[in-house]
């Protein structure tokens, strides 16, 4: 259940950041738009790296418990 909440929060944050970036581009604030874009890429990168390491840790635990 908590995983579903986390996915919802992260998804809505990315959608809001993308909408903000689009509005900033339309207004002509390119530097601010680039900052929002970089923040969005950073958030996605952290989530991807965290998911990868969580998956690896889960596999290692299953591997270790499989031999005990």
PDB file of N, CA and C in Angstrom:
ATOM      1  N   UNK A   1       0.816  -1.198   0.000  1.00  0.00           N
ATOM      2  CA  UNK A   1       0.000   0.000   0.000  1.00  0.00           C
ATOM      3  C   UNK A   1       0.860   1.264   0.000  1.00  0.00           C
ATOM      4  N   UNK A   2       1.929   1.264   0.808  1.00  0.00           N
ATOM      5  CA  UNK A   2       2.773   2.456   0.862  1.00  0.00           C
ATOM      6  C   UNK A   2       3.513   2.665  -0.457  1.00  0.00           C
ATOM      7  N   UNK A   3       3.831   1.568  -1.163  1.00  0.00           N
ATOM      8  CA  UNK A   3       4.480   1.702  -2.465  1.00  0.00           C
ATOM      9  C   UNK A   3       3.596   2.401  -3.470  1.00  0.00           C
ATOM     10  N   UNK A   4       2.297   2.120  -3.401  1.00  0.00           N
ATOM     11  CA  UNK A   4       1.345   2.767  -4.297  1.00  0.00           C
ATOM     12  C   UNK A   4       1.248   4.261  -4.010  1.00  0.00           C
ATOM     13  N   UNK A   5       1.301   4.623  -2.744  1.00  0.00           N
ATOM     14  CA  UNK A   5       1.262   6.040  -2.369  1.00  0.00           C
ATOM     15  C   UNK A   5       2.514   6.750  -2.864  1.00  0.00           C
ATOM     16  N   UNK A   6       3.662   6.105  -2.721  1.00  0.00           N
ATOM     17  CA  UNK A   6       4.920   6.704  -3.181  1.00  0.00           C
ATOM     18  C   UNK A   6       4.896   6.910  -4.690  1.00  0.00           C
ATOM     19  N   UNK A   7       4.404   5.927  -5.427  1.00  0.00           N
ATOM     20  CA  UNK A   7       4.309   6.051  -6.883  1.00  0.00           C
ATOM     21  C   UNK A   7       3.386   7.207  -7.258  1.00  0.00           C
ATOM     22  N   UNK A   8       2.286   7.351  -6.555  1.00  0.00           N
ATOM     23  CA  UNK A   8       1.360   8.446  -6.833  1.00  0.00           C
ATOM     24  C   UNK A   8       1.965   9.810  -6.560  1.00  0.00           C
ATOM     25  N   UNK A   9       2.669   9.932  -5.447  1.00  0.00           N
ATOM     26  CA  UNK A   9       3.289  11.213  -5.091  1.00  0.00           C
ATOM     27  C   UNK A   9       4.379  11.578  -6.089  1.00  0.00           C
ATOM     28  N   UNK A  10       5.226  10.626  -6.421  1.00  0.00           N
ATOM     29  CA  UNK A  10       6.311  10.898  -7.369  1.00  0.00           C
ATOM     30  C   UNK A  10       5.746  11.206  -8.753  1.00  0.00           C
ATOM     31  N   UNK A  11       4.750  10.442  -9.175  1.00  0.00           N
ATOM     32  CA  UNK A  11       4.140  10.688 -10.481  1.00  0.00           C
ATOM     33  C   UNK A  11       3.510  12.058 -10.581  1.00  0.00           C
ATOM     34  N   UNK A  12       2.782  12.461  -9.550  1.00  0.00           N
ATOM     35  CA  UNK A  12       2.146  13.779  -9.589  1.00  0.00           C
ATOM     36  C   UNK A  12       3.178  14.893  -9.523  1.00  0.00           C
ATOM     37  N   UNK A  13       4.288  14.665  -8.817  1.00  0.00           N
ATOM     38  CA  UNK A  13       5.357  15.665  -8.770  1.00  0.00           C
ATOM     39  C   UNK A  13       5.988  15.845 -10.142  1.00  0.00           C
ATOM     40  N   UNK A  14       6.239  14.756 -10.848  1.00  0.00           N
ATOM     41  CA  UNK A  14       6.833  14.837 -12.184  1.00  0.00           C
ATOM     42  C   UNK A  14       5.873  15.522 -13.151  1.00  0.00           C
ATOM     43  N   UNK A  15       4.590  15.199 -13.061  1.00  0.00           N
ATOM     44  CA  UNK A  15       3.601  15.830 -13.941  1.00  0.00           C
ATOM     45  C   UNK A  15       3.524  17.325 -13.671  1.00  0.00           C
ATOM     46  N   UNK A  16       3.513  17.721 -12.397  1.00  0.00           N
ATOM     47  CA  UNK A  16       3.459  19.143 -12.052  1.00  0.00           C
ATOM     48  C   UNK A  16       4.716  19.871 -12.524  1.00  0.00           C
ATOM     49  N   UNK A  17       5.878  19.242 -12.377  1.00  0.00           N
ATOM     50  CA  UNK A  17       7.120  19.870 -12.826  1.00  0.00           C
ATOM     51  C   UNK A  17       7.138  20.024 -14.341  1.00  0.00           C
ATOM     52  N   UNK A  18       6.628  19.045 -15.056  1.00  0.00           N
ATOM     53  CA  UNK A  18       6.576  19.138 -16.521  1.00  0.00           C
ATOM     54  C   UNK A  18       5.619  20.235 -16.971  1.00  0.00           C
ATOM     55  N   UNK A  19       4.488  20.354 -16.292  1.00  0.00           N
ATOM     56  CA  UNK A  19       3.539  21.418 -16.632  1.00  0.00           C
ATOM     57  C   UNK A  19       4.139  22.788 -16.337  1.00  0.00           C
ATOM     58  N   UNK A  20       4.846  22.905 -15.226  1.00  0.00           N
ATOM     59  CA  UNK A  20       5.499  24.169 -14.879  1.00  0.00           C
ATOM     60  C   UNK A  20       6.565  24.517 -15.905  1.00  0.00           C
ATOM     61  N   UNK A  21       7.333  23.537 -16.319  1.00  0.00           N
ATOM     62  CA  UNK A  21       8.366  23.766 -17.332  1.00  0.00           C
ATOM     63  C   UNK A  21       7.752  24.257 -18.637  1.00  0.00           C
ATOM     64  N   UNK A  22       6.652  23.657 -19.035  1.00  0.00           N
ATOM     65  CA  UNK A  22       5.975  24.056 -20.268  1.00  0.00           C
ATOM     66  C   UNK A  22       5.460  25.486 -20.177  1.00  0.00           C
ATOM     67  N   UNK A  23       4.876  25.839 -19.038  1.00  0.00           N
ATOM     68  CA  UNK A  23       4.361  27.207 -18.872  1.00  0.00           C
ATOM     69  C   UNK A  23       5.490  28.225 -18.870  1.00  0.00           C
ATOM     70  N   UNK A  24       6.613  27.883 -18.243  1.00  0.00           N
ATOM     71  CA  UNK A  24       7.752  28.798 -18.231  1.00  0.00           C
ATOM     72  C   UNK A  24       8.312  28.998 -19.635  1.00  0.00           C
ATOM     73  N   UNK A  25       8.323  27.953 -20.442  1.00  0.00           N
ATOM     74  CA  UNK A  25       8.793  28.088 -21.823  1.00  0.00           C
ATOM     75  C   UNK A  25       7.879  28.995 -22.631  1.00  0.00           C
ATOM     76  N   UNK A  26       6.566  28.873 -22.416  1.00  0.00           N
ATOM     77  CA  UNK A  26       5.611  29.705 -23.154  1.00  0.00           C
ATOM     78  C   UNK A  26       5.757  31.174 -22.794  1.00  0.00           C
ATOM     79  N   UNK A  27       6.097  31.450 -21.534  1.00  0.00           N
ATOM     80  CA  UNK A  27       6.249  32.832 -21.087  1.00  0.00           C
ATOM     81  C   UNK A  27       7.576  33.411 -21.568  1.00  0.00           C
ATOM     82  N   UNK A  28       8.548  32.548 -21.817  1.00  0.00           N
ATOM     83  CA  UNK A  28       9.843  33.011 -22.293  1.00  0.00           C
ATOM     84  C   UNK A  28      10.923  32.981 -21.236  1.00  0.00           C
ATOM     85  N   UNK A  29      10.662  32.354 -20.123  1.00  0.00           N
ATOM     86  CA  UNK A  29      11.662  32.257 -19.052  1.00  0.00           C
ATOM     87  C   UNK A  29      12.444  30.962 -19.251  1.00  0.00           C
ATOM     88  N   UNK A  30      13.454  31.047 -20.105  1.00  0.00           N
ATOM     89  CA  UNK A  30      14.188  29.855 -20.513  1.00  0.00           C
ATOM     90  C   UNK A  30      15.116  29.331 -19.417  1.00  0.00           C
ATOM     91  N   UNK A  31      15.730  30.237 -18.661  1.00  0.00           N
ATOM     92  CA  UNK A  31      16.653  29.805 -17.608  1.00  0.00           C
ATOM     93  C   UNK A  31      15.890  29.068 -16.513  1.00  0.00           C
ATOM     94  N   UNK A  32      14.750  29.627 -16.102  1.00  0.00           N
ATOM     95  CA  UNK A  32      13.939  28.980 -15.075  1.00  0.00           C
ATOM     96  C   UNK A  32      13.400  27.642 -15.567  1.00  0.00           C
ATOM     97  N   UNK A  33      13.020  27.602 -16.841  1.00  0.00           N
ATOM     98  CA  UNK A  33      12.531  26.356 -17.422  1.00  0.00           C
ATOM     99  C   UNK A  33      13.620  25.292 -17.424  1.00  0.00           C
ATOM    100  N   UNK A  34      14.838  25.694 -17.732  1.00  0.00           N
ATOM    101  CA  UNK A  34      15.957  24.748 -17.729  1.00  0.00           C
ATOM    102  C   UNK A  34      16.242  24.238 -16.318  1.00  0.00           C
ATOM    103  N   UNK A  35      16.092  25.112 -15.315  1.00  0.00           N
ATOM    104  CA  UNK A  35      16.296  24.686 -13.928  1.00  0.00           C
ATOM    105  C   UNK A  35      15.247  23.655 -13.519  1.00  0.00           C
ATOM    106  N   UNK A  36      13.990  23.873 -13.898  1.00  0.00           N
ATOM    107  CA  UNK A  36      12.929  22.920 -13.581  1.00  0.00           C
ATOM    108  C   UNK A  36      13.181  21.605 -14.313  1.00  0.00           C
ATOM    109  N   UNK A  37      13.627  21.694 -15.560  1.00  0.00           N
ATOM    110  CA  UNK A  37      13.934  20.488 -16.329  1.00  0.00           C
ATOM    111  C   UNK A  37      15.059  19.684 -15.665  1.00  0.00           C
ATOM    112  N   UNK A  38      16.109  20.376 -15.228  1.00  0.00           N
ATOM    113  CA  UNK A  38      17.221  19.690 -14.560  1.00  0.00           C
ATOM    114  C   UNK A  38      16.776  19.057 -13.250  1.00  0.00           C
ATOM    115  N   UNK A  39      15.897  19.734 -12.520  1.00  0.00           N
ATOM    116  CA  UNK A  39      15.374  19.171 -11.276  1.00  0.00           C
ATOM    117  C   UNK A  39      14.549  17.921 -11.556  1.00  0.00           C
ATOM    118  N   UNK A  40      13.739  17.963 -12.604  1.00  0.00           N
ATOM    119  CA  UNK A  40      12.940  16.795 -12.979  1.00  0.00           C
ATOM    120  C   UNK A  40      13.843  15.622 -13.363  1.00  0.00           C
ATOM    121  N   UNK A  41      14.877  15.893 -14.136  1.00  0.00           N
ATOM    122  CA  UNK A  41      15.825  14.829 -14.516  1.00  0.00           C
ATOM    123  C   UNK A  41      16.545  14.274 -13.294  1.00  0.00           C
ATOM    124  N   UNK A  42      16.883  15.137 -12.346  1.00  0.00           N
ATOM    125  CA  UNK A  42      17.541  14.688 -11.122  1.00  0.00           C
ATOM    126  C   UNK A  42      16.626  13.776 -10.309  1.00  0.00           C
ATOM    127  N   UNK A  43      15.358  14.171 -10.166  1.00  0.00           N
ATOM    128  CA  UNK A  43      14.396  13.354  -9.418  1.00  0.00           C
ATOM    129  C   UNK A  43      14.244  11.990 -10.079  1.00  0.00           C
ATOM    130  N   UNK A  44      14.099  11.976 -11.397  1.00  0.00           N
ATOM    131  CA  UNK A  44      13.963  10.697 -12.105  1.00  0.00           C
ATOM    132  C   UNK A  44      15.220   9.842 -11.977  1.00  0.00           C
ATOM    133  N   UNK A  45      16.382  10.474 -12.005  1.00  0.00           N
ATOM    134  CA  UNK A  45      17.633   9.740 -11.848  1.00  0.00           C
ATOM    135  C   UNK A  45      17.775   9.120 -10.468  1.00  0.00           C
ATOM    136  N   UNK A  46      17.410   9.877  -9.442  1.00  0.00           N
ATOM    137  CA  UNK A  46      17.479   9.358  -8.074  1.00  0.00           C
ATOM    138  C   UNK A  46      16.514   8.195  -7.898  1.00  0.00           C
ATOM    139  N   UNK A  47      15.312   8.331  -8.451  1.00  0.00           N
ATOM    140  CA  UNK A  47      14.323   7.256  -8.344  1.00  0.00           C
ATOM    141  C   UNK A  47      14.806   6.006  -9.076  1.00  0.00           C
ATOM    142  N   UNK A  48      15.387   6.191 -10.256  1.00  0.00           N
ATOM    143  CA  UNK A  48      15.891   5.051 -11.021  1.00  0.00           C
ATOM    144  C   UNK A  48      17.030   4.353 -10.286  1.00  0.00           C
ATOM    145  N   UNK A  49      17.976   5.135  -9.782  1.00  0.00           N
ATOM    146  CA  UNK A  49      19.102   4.540  -9.054  1.00  0.00           C
ATOM    147  C   UNK A  49      18.623   3.852  -7.779  1.00  0.00           C
ATOM    148  N   UNK A  50      17.726   4.500  -7.052  1.00  0.00           N
ATOM    149  CA  UNK A  50      17.196   3.897  -5.829  1.00  0.00           C
ATOM    150  C   UNK A  50      16.456   2.604  -6.107  1.00  0.00           C
ATOM    151  N   UNK A  51      15.676   2.590  -7.174  1.00  0.00           N
ATOM    152  CA  UNK A  51      14.946   1.369  -7.534  1.00  0.00           C
ATOM    153  C   UNK A  51      15.901   0.248  -7.916  1.00  0.00           C
ATOM    154  N   UNK A  52      16.955   0.590  -8.643  1.00  0.00           N
ATOM    155  CA  UNK A  52      17.936  -0.420  -9.038  1.00  0.00           C
ATOM    156  C   UNK A  52      18.614  -1.036  -7.813  1.00  0.00           C
ATOM    157  N   UNK A  53      19.080  -0.173  -6.892  1.00  0.00           N
ATOM    158  CA  UNK A  53      19.760  -0.694  -5.709  1.00  0.00           C
ATOM    159  C   UNK A  53      18.811  -1.456  -4.795  1.00  0.00           C
ATOM    160  N   UNK A  54      17.550  -1.025  -4.725  1.00  0.00           N
ATOM    161  CA  UNK A  54      16.557  -1.751  -3.932  1.00  0.00           C
ATOM    162  C   UNK A  54      16.320  -3.140  -4.523  1.00  0.00           C
ATOM    163  N   UNK A  55      16.234  -3.209  -5.846  1.00  0.00           N
ATOM    164  CA  UNK A  55      16.051  -4.494  -6.507  1.00  0.00           C
ATOM    165  C   UNK A  55      17.255  -5.403  -6.283  1.00  0.00           C
ATOM    166  N   UNK A  56      18.464  -4.846  -6.404  1.00  0.00           N
ATOM    167  CA  UNK A  56      19.666  -5.649  -6.179  1.00  0.00           C
ATOM    168  C   UNK A  56      19.724  -6.150  -4.737  1.00  0.00           C
ATOM    169  N   UNK A  57      19.384  -5.290  -3.781  1.00  0.00           N
ATOM    170  CA  UNK A  57      19.395  -5.692  -2.378  1.00  0.00           C
ATOM    171  C   UNK A  57      18.375  -6.798  -2.129  1.00  0.00           C
ATOM    172  N   UNK A  58      17.211  -6.679  -2.735  1.00  0.00           N
ATOM    173  CA  UNK A  58      16.175  -7.699  -2.588  1.00  0.00           C
ATOM    174  C   UNK A  58      16.647  -9.032  -3.172  1.00  0.00           C
ATOM    175  N   UNK A  59      17.297  -8.990  -4.323  1.00  0.00           N
ATOM    176  CA  UNK A  59      17.814 -10.220  -4.928  1.00  0.00           C
ATOM    177  C   UNK A  59      18.920 -10.849  -4.088  1.00  0.00           C
ATOM    178  N   UNK A  60      19.796 -10.023  -3.524  1.00  0.00           N
ATOM    179  CA  UNK A  60      20.869 -10.537  -2.667  1.00  0.00           C
ATOM    180  C   UNK A  60      20.277 -11.194  -1.426  1.00  0.00           C
ATOM    181  N   UNK A  61      19.273 -10.560  -0.829  1.00  0.00           N
ATOM    182  CA  UNK A  61      18.643 -11.153   0.352  1.00  0.00           C
ATOM    183  C   UNK A  61      17.998 -12.496   0.015  1.00  0.00           C
ATOM    184  N   UNK A  62      17.314 -12.581  -1.107  1.00  0.00           N
ATOM    185  CA  UNK A  62      16.692 -13.845  -1.494  1.00  0.00           C
ATOM    186  C   UNK A  62      17.749 -14.904  -1.790  1.00  0.00           C
ATOM    187  N   UNK A  63      18.863 -14.486  -2.372  1.00  0.00           N
ATOM    188  CA  UNK A  63      19.948 -15.415  -2.663  1.00  0.00           C
ATOM    189  C   UNK A  63      20.559 -15.949  -1.370  1.00  0.00           C
ATOM    190  N   UNK A  64      20.798 -15.052  -0.401  1.00  0.00           N
ATOM    191  CA  UNK A  64      21.385 -15.462   0.879  1.00  0.00           C
ATOM    192  C   UNK A  64      20.421 -16.357   1.644  1.00  0.00           C
ATOM    193  N   UNK A  65      19.141 -15.978   1.709  1.00  0.00           N
ATOM    194  CA  UNK A  65      18.168 -16.784   2.447  1.00  0.00           C
ATOM    195  C   UNK A  65      17.912 -18.119   1.753  1.00  0.00           C
ATOM    196  N   UNK A  66      18.184 -18.199   0.467  1.00  0.00           N
ATOM    197  CA  UNK A  66      18.002 -19.450  -0.248  1.00  0.00           C
ATOM    198  C   UNK A  66      19.007 -20.515   0.163  1.00  0.00           C
ATOM    199  N   UNK A  67      20.191 -20.081   0.632  1.00  0.00           N
ATOM    200  CA  UNK A  67      21.210 -21.037   1.045  1.00  0.00           C
ATOM    201  C   UNK A  67      21.158 -21.373   2.526  1.00  0.00           C
ATOM    202  N   UNK A  68      20.318 -20.696   3.290  1.00  0.00           N
ATOM    203  CA  UNK A  68      20.244 -20.973   4.737  1.00  0.00           C
ATOM    204  C   UNK A  68      19.117 -21.906   5.056  1.00  0.00           C
TER     205      UNK A  68
END
